[in-house]
Amino acid sequence: ATYPLIWGIGQLGTGKMADRFSKKKMIFGGM
């Protein structure tokens, strides 16, 4: 359950980051 919980909660911040920062670098770093 920890995996999807962090996945879910984390997107509150990372979603907003995607409006401001490099989408390419976010996808590369996350993968």
Full PDB file with SEQRES, HELIX, SHEET, SSBOND, CRYST1, ORIGX, SCALE, CONECT and MASTER records, all heavy atoms in Angstrom:
SEQRES   1 A   31  ALA THR TYR PRO LEU ILE TRP GLY ILE GLY GLN LEU GLY          
SEQRES   2 A   31  THR GLY LYS MET ALA ASP ARG PHE SER LYS LYS LYS MET          
SEQRES   3 A   31  ILE PHE GLY GLY MET                                          
HELIX    1 AA1 THR A    2  MET A   17  1                                  16    
HELIX    2 AA2 LYS A   23  GLY A   30  1                                   8    
CRYST1    1.000    1.000    1.000  90.00  90.00  90.00 P 1           1          
ORIGX1      1.000000  0.000000  0.000000        0.00000                         
ORIGX2      0.000000  1.000000  0.000000        0.00000                         
ORIGX3      0.000000  0.000000  1.000000        0.00000                         
SCALE1      1.000000  0.000000  0.000000        0.00000                         
SCALE2      0.000000  1.000000  0.000000        0.00000                         
SCALE3      0.000000  0.000000  1.000000        0.00000                         
ATOM      1  N   ALA A   1       0.822  -1.214   0.000  1.00  0.00           N  
ATOM      2  CA  ALA A   1       0.000   0.000   0.000  1.00  0.00           C  
ATOM      3  C   ALA A   1       0.853   1.261   0.000  1.00  0.00           C  
ATOM      4  O   ALA A   1       0.414   2.313  -0.483  1.00  0.00           O  
ATOM      5  CB  ALA A   1      -0.933   0.003   1.210  1.00  0.00           C  
ATOM      6  N   THR A   2       2.086   1.177   0.529  1.00  0.00           N  
ATOM      7  CA  THR A   2       2.952   2.352   0.601  1.00  0.00           C  
ATOM      8  C   THR A   2       3.259   2.909  -0.781  1.00  0.00           C  
ATOM      9  O   THR A   2       3.264   4.142  -0.986  1.00  0.00           O  
ATOM     10  CB  THR A   2       4.270   2.011   1.324  1.00  0.00           C  
ATOM     11  OG1 THR A   2       3.973   1.608   2.661  1.00  0.00           O  
ATOM     12  CG2 THR A   2       5.223   3.210   1.355  1.00  0.00           C  
ATOM     13  N   TYR A   3       3.511   2.023  -1.739  1.00  0.00           N  
ATOM     14  CA  TYR A   3       3.842   2.434  -3.105  1.00  0.00           C  
ATOM     15  C   TYR A   3       2.754   3.318  -3.718  1.00  0.00           C  
ATOM     16  O   TYR A   3       3.016   4.467  -4.100  1.00  0.00           O  
ATOM     17  CB  TYR A   3       4.124   1.174  -3.922  1.00  0.00           C  
ATOM     18  CG  TYR A   3       4.226   1.320  -5.410  1.00  0.00           C  
ATOM     19  CD1 TYR A   3       4.812   2.420  -6.013  1.00  0.00           C  
ATOM     20  CD2 TYR A   3       3.757   0.295  -6.239  1.00  0.00           C  
ATOM     21  CE1 TYR A   3       4.912   2.524  -7.391  1.00  0.00           C  
ATOM     22  CE2 TYR A   3       3.858   0.378  -7.611  1.00  0.00           C  
ATOM     23  CZ  TYR A   3       4.424   1.491  -8.190  1.00  0.00           C  
ATOM     24  OH  TYR A   3       4.521   1.586  -9.550  1.00  0.00           O  
ATOM     25  N   PRO A   4       1.495   2.855  -3.837  1.00  0.00           N  
ATOM     26  CA  PRO A   4       0.479   3.744  -4.429  1.00  0.00           C  
ATOM     27  C   PRO A   4       0.142   4.944  -3.558  1.00  0.00           C  
ATOM     28  O   PRO A   4      -0.272   5.995  -4.077  1.00  0.00           O  
ATOM     29  CB  PRO A   4      -0.734   2.827  -4.622  1.00  0.00           C  
ATOM     30  CG  PRO A   4      -0.528   1.697  -3.686  1.00  0.00           C  
ATOM     31  CD  PRO A   4       0.955   1.504  -3.600  1.00  0.00           C  
ATOM     32  N   LEU A   5       0.321   4.834  -2.237  1.00  0.00           N  
ATOM     33  CA  LEU A   5       0.061   5.987  -1.378  1.00  0.00           C  
ATOM     34  C   LEU A   5       1.052   7.115  -1.663  1.00  0.00           C  
ATOM     35  O   LEU A   5       0.660   8.285  -1.815  1.00  0.00           O  
ATOM     36  CB  LEU A   5       0.134   5.580   0.091  1.00  0.00           C  
ATOM     37  CG  LEU A   5      -1.098   4.863   0.661  1.00  0.00           C  
ATOM     38  CD1 LEU A   5      -0.799   4.335   2.059  1.00  0.00           C  
ATOM     39  CD2 LEU A   5      -2.311   5.789   0.695  1.00  0.00           C  
ATOM     40  N   ILE A   6       2.344   6.795  -1.730  1.00  0.00           N  
ATOM     41  CA  ILE A   6       3.355   7.799  -2.048  1.00  0.00           C  
ATOM     42  C   ILE A   6       3.157   8.305  -3.476  1.00  0.00           C  
ATOM     43  O   ILE A   6       3.266   9.509  -3.753  1.00  0.00           O  
ATOM     44  CB  ILE A   6       4.771   7.223  -1.871  1.00  0.00           C  
ATOM     45  CG1 ILE A   6       5.012   6.836  -0.409  1.00  0.00           C  
ATOM     46  CG2 ILE A   6       5.829   8.215  -2.341  1.00  0.00           C  
ATOM     47  CD1 ILE A   6       4.919   7.992   0.567  1.00  0.00           C  
ATOM     48  N   TRP A   7       2.860   7.385  -4.382  1.00  0.00           N  
ATOM     49  CA  TRP A   7       2.557   7.730  -5.769  1.00  0.00           C  
ATOM     50  C   TRP A   7       1.420   8.751  -5.815  1.00  0.00           C  
ATOM     51  O   TRP A   7       1.480   9.772  -6.514  1.00  0.00           O  
ATOM     52  CB  TRP A   7       2.210   6.437  -6.483  1.00  0.00           C  
ATOM     53  CG  TRP A   7       1.798   6.490  -7.914  1.00  0.00           C  
ATOM     54  CD1 TRP A   7       1.543   7.571  -8.687  1.00  0.00           C  
ATOM     55  CD2 TRP A   7       1.591   5.349  -8.757  1.00  0.00           C  
ATOM     56  NE1 TRP A   7       1.178   7.190  -9.959  1.00  0.00           N  
ATOM     57  CE2 TRP A   7       1.201   5.834 -10.025  1.00  0.00           C  
ATOM     58  CE3 TRP A   7       1.683   3.977  -8.560  1.00  0.00           C  
ATOM     59  CZ2 TRP A   7       0.907   4.985 -11.097  1.00  0.00           C  
ATOM     60  CZ3 TRP A   7       1.390   3.127  -9.626  1.00  0.00           C  
ATOM     61  CH2 TRP A   7       1.023   3.632 -10.876  1.00  0.00           C  
ATOM     62  N   GLY A   8       0.360   8.465  -5.059  1.00  0.00           N  
ATOM     63  CA  GLY A   8      -0.796   9.344  -5.078  1.00  0.00           C  
ATOM     64  C   GLY A   8      -0.534  10.682  -4.420  1.00  0.00           C  
ATOM     65  O   GLY A   8      -0.782  11.741  -5.000  1.00  0.00           O  
ATOM     66  N   ILE A   9      -0.011  10.666  -3.192  1.00  0.00           N  
ATOM     67  CA  ILE A   9       0.236  11.914  -2.457  1.00  0.00           C  
ATOM     68  C   ILE A   9       1.269  12.774  -3.178  1.00  0.00           C  
ATOM     69  O   ILE A   9       1.141  13.996  -3.261  1.00  0.00           O  
ATOM     70  CB  ILE A   9       0.682  11.602  -1.018  1.00  0.00           C  
ATOM     71  CG1 ILE A   9      -0.452  10.932  -0.240  1.00  0.00           C  
ATOM     72  CG2 ILE A   9       1.130  12.876  -0.302  1.00  0.00           C  
ATOM     73  CD1 ILE A   9      -0.038  10.379   1.106  1.00  0.00           C  
ATOM     74  N   GLY A  10       2.312  12.120  -3.704  1.00  0.00           N  
ATOM     75  CA  GLY A  10       3.383  12.850  -4.363  1.00  0.00           C  
ATOM     76  C   GLY A  10       2.922  13.677  -5.543  1.00  0.00           C  
ATOM     77  O   GLY A  10       3.512  14.725  -5.854  1.00  0.00           O  
ATOM     78  N   GLN A  11       1.846  13.232  -6.189  1.00  0.00           N  
ATOM     79  CA  GLN A  11       1.387  13.922  -7.388  1.00  0.00           C  
ATOM     80  C   GLN A  11       0.732  15.276  -7.090  1.00  0.00           C  
ATOM     81  O   GLN A  11       0.557  16.088  -7.990  1.00  0.00           O  
ATOM     82  CB  GLN A  11       0.432  13.016  -8.168  1.00  0.00           C  
ATOM     83  CG  GLN A  11       1.179  11.879  -8.827  1.00  0.00           C  
ATOM     84  CD  GLN A  11       0.242  10.897  -9.514  1.00  0.00           C  
ATOM     85  OE1 GLN A  11       0.124  10.890 -10.721  1.00  0.00           O  
ATOM     86  NE2 GLN A  11      -0.423  10.074  -8.735  1.00  0.00           N  
ATOM     87  N   LEU A  12       0.391  15.516  -5.828  1.00  0.00           N  
ATOM     88  CA  LEU A  12      -0.079  16.849  -5.465  1.00  0.00           C  
ATOM     89  C   LEU A  12       1.001  17.890  -5.750  1.00  0.00           C  
ATOM     90  O   LEU A  12       0.720  18.999  -6.202  1.00  0.00           O  
ATOM     91  CB  LEU A  12      -0.448  16.891  -3.978  1.00  0.00           C  
ATOM     92  CG  LEU A  12      -1.798  16.317  -3.577  1.00  0.00           C  
ATOM     93  CD1 LEU A  12      -1.953  16.358  -2.068  1.00  0.00           C  
ATOM     94  CD2 LEU A  12      -2.938  17.064  -4.244  1.00  0.00           C  
ATOM     95  N   GLY A  13       2.264  17.504  -5.486  1.00  0.00           N  
ATOM     96  CA  GLY A  13       3.374  18.411  -5.764  1.00  0.00           C  
ATOM     97  C   GLY A  13       3.910  18.291  -7.166  1.00  0.00           C  
ATOM     98  O   GLY A  13       4.157  19.298  -7.840  1.00  0.00           O  
ATOM     99  N   THR A  14       4.069  17.055  -7.658  1.00  0.00           N  
ATOM    100  CA  THR A  14       4.686  16.871  -8.976  1.00  0.00           C  
ATOM    101  C   THR A  14       3.779  17.339 -10.106  1.00  0.00           C  
ATOM    102  O   THR A  14       4.264  17.766 -11.155  1.00  0.00           O  
ATOM    103  CB  THR A  14       5.083  15.403  -9.198  1.00  0.00           C  
ATOM    104  OG1 THR A  14       3.914  14.563  -9.109  1.00  0.00           O  
ATOM    105  CG2 THR A  14       6.114  14.949  -8.174  1.00  0.00           C  
ATOM    106  N   GLY A  15       2.463  17.267  -9.910  1.00  0.00           N  
ATOM    107  CA  GLY A  15       1.551  17.787 -10.927  1.00  0.00           C  
ATOM    108  C   GLY A  15       1.732  19.282 -11.125  1.00  0.00           C  
ATOM    109  O   GLY A  15       1.780  19.776 -12.258  1.00  0.00           O  
ATOM    110  N   LYS A  16       1.849  20.008 -10.012  1.00  0.00           N  
ATOM    111  CA  LYS A  16       2.079  21.445 -10.103  1.00  0.00           C  
ATOM    112  C   LYS A  16       3.458  21.736 -10.681  1.00  0.00           C  
ATOM    113  O   LYS A  16       3.632  22.695 -11.453  1.00  0.00           O  
ATOM    114  CB  LYS A  16       1.944  22.083  -8.714  1.00  0.00           C  
ATOM    115  CG  LYS A  16       1.922  23.617  -8.734  1.00  0.00           C  
ATOM    116  CD  LYS A  16       0.722  24.138  -9.515  1.00  0.00           C  
ATOM    117  CE  LYS A  16       0.675  25.659  -9.515  1.00  0.00           C  
ATOM    118  NZ  LYS A  16      -0.429  26.168 -10.355  1.00  0.00           N  
ATOM    119  N   MET A  17       4.453  20.922 -10.340  1.00  0.00           N  
ATOM    120  CA  MET A  17       5.794  21.075 -10.910  1.00  0.00           C  
ATOM    121  C   MET A  17       5.761  20.971 -12.428  1.00  0.00           C  
ATOM    122  O   MET A  17       6.483  21.680 -13.133  1.00  0.00           O  
ATOM    123  CB  MET A  17       6.737  20.012 -10.341  1.00  0.00           C  
ATOM    124  CG  MET A  17       7.170  20.244  -8.904  1.00  0.00           C  
ATOM    125  SD  MET A  17       8.063  18.804  -8.240  1.00  0.00           S  
ATOM    126  CE  MET A  17       9.474  18.744  -9.353  1.00  0.00           C  
ATOM    127  N   ALA A  18       4.904  20.082 -12.942  1.00  0.00           N  
ATOM    128  CA  ALA A  18       4.825  19.880 -14.389  1.00  0.00           C  
ATOM    129  C   ALA A  18       4.306  21.111 -15.123  1.00  0.00           C  
ATOM    130  O   ALA A  18       4.508  21.237 -16.331  1.00  0.00           O  
ATOM    131  CB  ALA A  18       3.934  18.673 -14.697  1.00  0.00           C  
ATOM    132  N   ASP A  19       3.634  22.020 -14.405  1.00  0.00           N  
ATOM    133  CA  ASP A  19       3.189  23.279 -15.013  1.00  0.00           C  
ATOM    134  C   ASP A  19       4.303  24.311 -15.072  1.00  0.00           C  
ATOM    135  O   ASP A  19       4.189  25.311 -15.776  1.00  0.00           O  
ATOM    136  CB  ASP A  19       2.012  23.865 -14.217  1.00  0.00           C  
ATOM    137  CG  ASP A  19       0.740  23.055 -14.368  1.00  0.00           C  
ATOM    138  OD1 ASP A  19       0.502  22.539 -15.475  1.00  0.00           O  
ATOM    139  OD2 ASP A  19      -0.006  22.934 -13.377  1.00  0.00           O  
ATOM    140  N   ARG A  20       5.397  24.087 -14.330  1.00  0.00           N  
ATOM    141  CA  ARG A  20       6.442  25.109 -14.221  1.00  0.00           C  
ATOM    142  C   ARG A  20       7.801  24.657 -14.751  1.00  0.00           C  
ATOM    143  O   ARG A  20       8.567  25.466 -15.266  1.00  0.00           O  
ATOM    144  CB  ARG A  20       6.600  25.529 -12.758  1.00  0.00           C  
ATOM    145  CG  ARG A  20       5.375  26.167 -12.145  1.00  0.00           C  
ATOM    146  CD  ARG A  20       5.677  26.691 -10.758  1.00  0.00           C  
ATOM    147  NE  ARG A  20       6.759  27.685 -10.789  1.00  0.00           N  
ATOM    148  CZ  ARG A  20       7.399  28.105  -9.709  1.00  0.00           C  
ATOM    149  NH1 ARG A  20       7.092  27.616  -8.532  1.00  0.00           N  
ATOM    150  NH2 ARG A  20       8.363  29.008  -9.827  1.00  0.00           N  
ATOM    151  N   PHE A  21       8.119  23.383 -14.569  1.00  0.00           N  
ATOM    152  CA  PHE A  21       9.471  22.924 -14.842  1.00  0.00           C  
ATOM    153  C   PHE A  21       9.524  21.987 -16.047  1.00  0.00           C  
ATOM    154  O   PHE A  21       8.503  21.690 -16.667  1.00  0.00           O  
ATOM    155  CB  PHE A  21      10.048  22.244 -13.601  1.00  0.00           C  
ATOM    156  CG  PHE A  21      10.088  23.122 -12.388  1.00  0.00           C  
ATOM    157  CD1 PHE A  21       9.565  22.685 -11.185  1.00  0.00           C  
ATOM    158  CD2 PHE A  21      10.652  24.385 -12.451  1.00  0.00           C  
ATOM    159  CE1 PHE A  21       9.600  23.499 -10.060  1.00  0.00           C  
ATOM    160  CE2 PHE A  21      10.691  25.200 -11.339  1.00  0.00           C  
ATOM    161  CZ  PHE A  21      10.158  24.756 -10.135  1.00  0.00           C  
ATOM    162  N   SER A  22      10.716  21.510 -16.345  1.00  0.00           N  
ATOM    163  CA  SER A  22      10.943  20.688 -17.525  1.00  0.00           C  
ATOM    164  C   SER A  22      10.234  19.335 -17.423  1.00  0.00           C  
ATOM    165  O   SER A  22      10.578  18.492 -16.591  1.00  0.00           O  
ATOM    166  CB  SER A  22      12.443  20.454 -17.717  1.00  0.00           C  
ATOM    167  OG  SER A  22      12.675  19.457 -18.678  1.00  0.00           O  
ATOM    168  N   LYS A  23       9.250  19.140 -18.272  1.00  0.00           N  
ATOM    169  CA  LYS A  23       8.553  17.860 -18.293  1.00  0.00           C  
ATOM    170  C   LYS A  23       9.499  16.738 -18.707  1.00  0.00           C  
ATOM    171  O   LYS A  23       9.436  15.618 -18.196  1.00  0.00           O  
ATOM    172  CB  LYS A  23       7.353  17.939 -19.233  1.00  0.00           C  
ATOM    173  CG  LYS A  23       6.262  18.906 -18.754  1.00  0.00           C  
ATOM    174  CD  LYS A  23       5.111  18.970 -19.743  1.00  0.00           C  
ATOM    175  CE  LYS A  23       3.982  19.857 -19.237  1.00  0.00           C  
ATOM    176  NZ  LYS A  23       4.359  21.277 -19.127  1.00  0.00           N  
ATOM    177  N   LYS A  24      10.387  17.035 -19.658  1.00  0.00           N  
ATOM    178  CA  LYS A  24      11.349  16.034 -20.105  1.00  0.00           C  
ATOM    179  C   LYS A  24      12.233  15.565 -18.947  1.00  0.00           C  
ATOM    180  O   LYS A  24      12.428  14.359 -18.744  1.00  0.00           O  
ATOM    181  CB  LYS A  24      12.211  16.611 -21.225  1.00  0.00           C  
ATOM    182  CG  LYS A  24      13.346  15.686 -21.674  1.00  0.00           C  
ATOM    183  CD  LYS A  24      14.153  16.306 -22.806  1.00  0.00           C  
ATOM    184  CE  LYS A  24      15.327  15.392 -23.186  1.00  0.00           C  
ATOM    185  NZ  LYS A  24      16.081  15.924 -24.346  1.00  0.00           N  
ATOM    186  N   LYS A  25      12.770  16.505 -18.183  1.00  0.00           N  
ATOM    187  CA  LYS A  25      13.662  16.139 -17.088  1.00  0.00           C  
ATOM    188  C   LYS A  25      12.920  15.419 -15.972  1.00  0.00           C  
ATOM    189  O   LYS A  25      13.469  14.520 -15.318  1.00  0.00           O  
ATOM    190  CB  LYS A  25      14.381  17.381 -16.567  1.00  0.00           C  
ATOM    191  CG  LYS A  25      15.400  17.931 -17.554  1.00  0.00           C  
ATOM    192  CD  LYS A  25      16.048  19.215 -17.067  1.00  0.00           C  
ATOM    193  CE  LYS A  25      17.031  19.755 -18.108  1.00  0.00           C  
ATOM    194  NZ  LYS A  25      17.627  21.060 -17.705  1.00  0.00           N  
ATOM    195  N   MET A  26      11.667  15.780 -15.743  1.00  0.00           N  
ATOM    196  CA  MET A  26      10.873  15.083 -14.733  1.00  0.00           C  
ATOM    197  C   MET A  26      10.612  13.640 -15.137  1.00  0.00           C  
ATOM    198  O   MET A  26      10.716  12.722 -14.312  1.00  0.00           O  
ATOM    199  CB  MET A  26       9.558  15.823 -14.502  1.00  0.00           C  
ATOM    200  CG  MET A  26       9.712  17.140 -13.759  1.00  0.00           C  
ATOM    201  SD  MET A  26       8.131  18.007 -13.506  1.00  0.00           S  
ATOM    202  CE  MET A  26       7.270  16.867 -12.426  1.00  0.00           C  
ATOM    203  N   ILE A  27      10.289  13.413 -16.411  1.00  0.00           N  
ATOM    204  CA  ILE A  27      10.039  12.046 -16.883  1.00  0.00           C  
ATOM    205  C   ILE A  27      11.324  11.227 -16.863  1.00  0.00           C  
ATOM    206  O   ILE A  27      11.344  10.081 -16.390  1.00  0.00           O  
ATOM    207  CB  ILE A  27       9.412  12.067 -18.290  1.00  0.00           C  
ATOM    208  CG1 ILE A  27       8.010  12.696 -18.234  1.00  0.00           C  
ATOM    209  CG2 ILE A  27       9.329  10.654 -18.869  1.00  0.00           C  
ATOM    210  CD1 ILE A  27       7.380  12.939 -19.596  1.00  0.00           C  
ATOM    211  N   PHE A  28      12.427  11.809 -17.344  1.00  0.00           N  
ATOM    212  CA  PHE A  28      13.714  11.111 -17.322  1.00  0.00           C  
ATOM    213  C   PHE A  28      14.113  10.731 -15.893  1.00  0.00           C  
ATOM    214  O   PHE A  28      14.453   9.583 -15.600  1.00  0.00           O  
ATOM    215  CB  PHE A  28      14.799  11.981 -17.952  1.00  0.00           C  
ATOM    216  CG  PHE A  28      16.196  11.498 -17.685  1.00  0.00           C  
ATOM    217  CD1 PHE A  28      16.686  10.343 -18.292  1.00  0.00           C  
ATOM    218  CD2 PHE A  28      17.023  12.186 -16.805  1.00  0.00           C  
ATOM    219  CE1 PHE A  28      17.976   9.887 -18.036  1.00  0.00           C  
ATOM    220  CE2 PHE A  28      18.312  11.741 -16.545  1.00  0.00           C  
ATOM    221  CZ  PHE A  28      18.787  10.588 -17.157  1.00  0.00           C  
ATOM    222  N   GLY A  29      14.050  11.696 -14.978  1.00  0.00           N  
ATOM    223  CA  GLY A  29      14.454  11.437 -13.601  1.00  0.00           C  
ATOM    224  C   GLY A  29      13.567  10.422 -12.910  1.00  0.00           C  
ATOM    225  O   GLY A  29      14.053   9.555 -12.171  1.00  0.00           O  
ATOM    226  N   GLY A  30      12.263  10.508 -13.150  1.00  0.00           N  
ATOM    227  CA  GLY A  30      11.338   9.571 -12.526  1.00  0.00           C  
ATOM    228  C   GLY A  30      11.535   8.143 -12.999  1.00  0.00           C  
ATOM    229  O   GLY A  30      11.530   7.202 -12.198  1.00  0.00           O  
ATOM    230  N   MET A  31      11.719   7.957 -14.307  1.00  0.00           N  
ATOM    231  CA  MET A  31      11.943   6.612 -14.846  1.00  0.00           C  
ATOM    232  C   MET A  31      13.273   6.032 -14.351  1.00  0.00           C  
ATOM    233  O   MET A  31      13.366   4.851 -14.013  1.00  0.00           O  
ATOM    234  CB  MET A  31      11.913   6.641 -16.374  1.00  0.00           C  
ATOM    235  CG  MET A  31      10.585   7.040 -16.988  1.00  0.00           C  
ATOM    236  SD  MET A  31       9.189   5.976 -16.539  1.00  0.00           S  
ATOM    237  CE  MET A  31       9.652   4.445 -17.358  1.00  0.00           C  
TER     238      MET A  31                                                      
MASTER        0    0    0    2    0    0    0    6  237    1    0    3          
END                                                                             
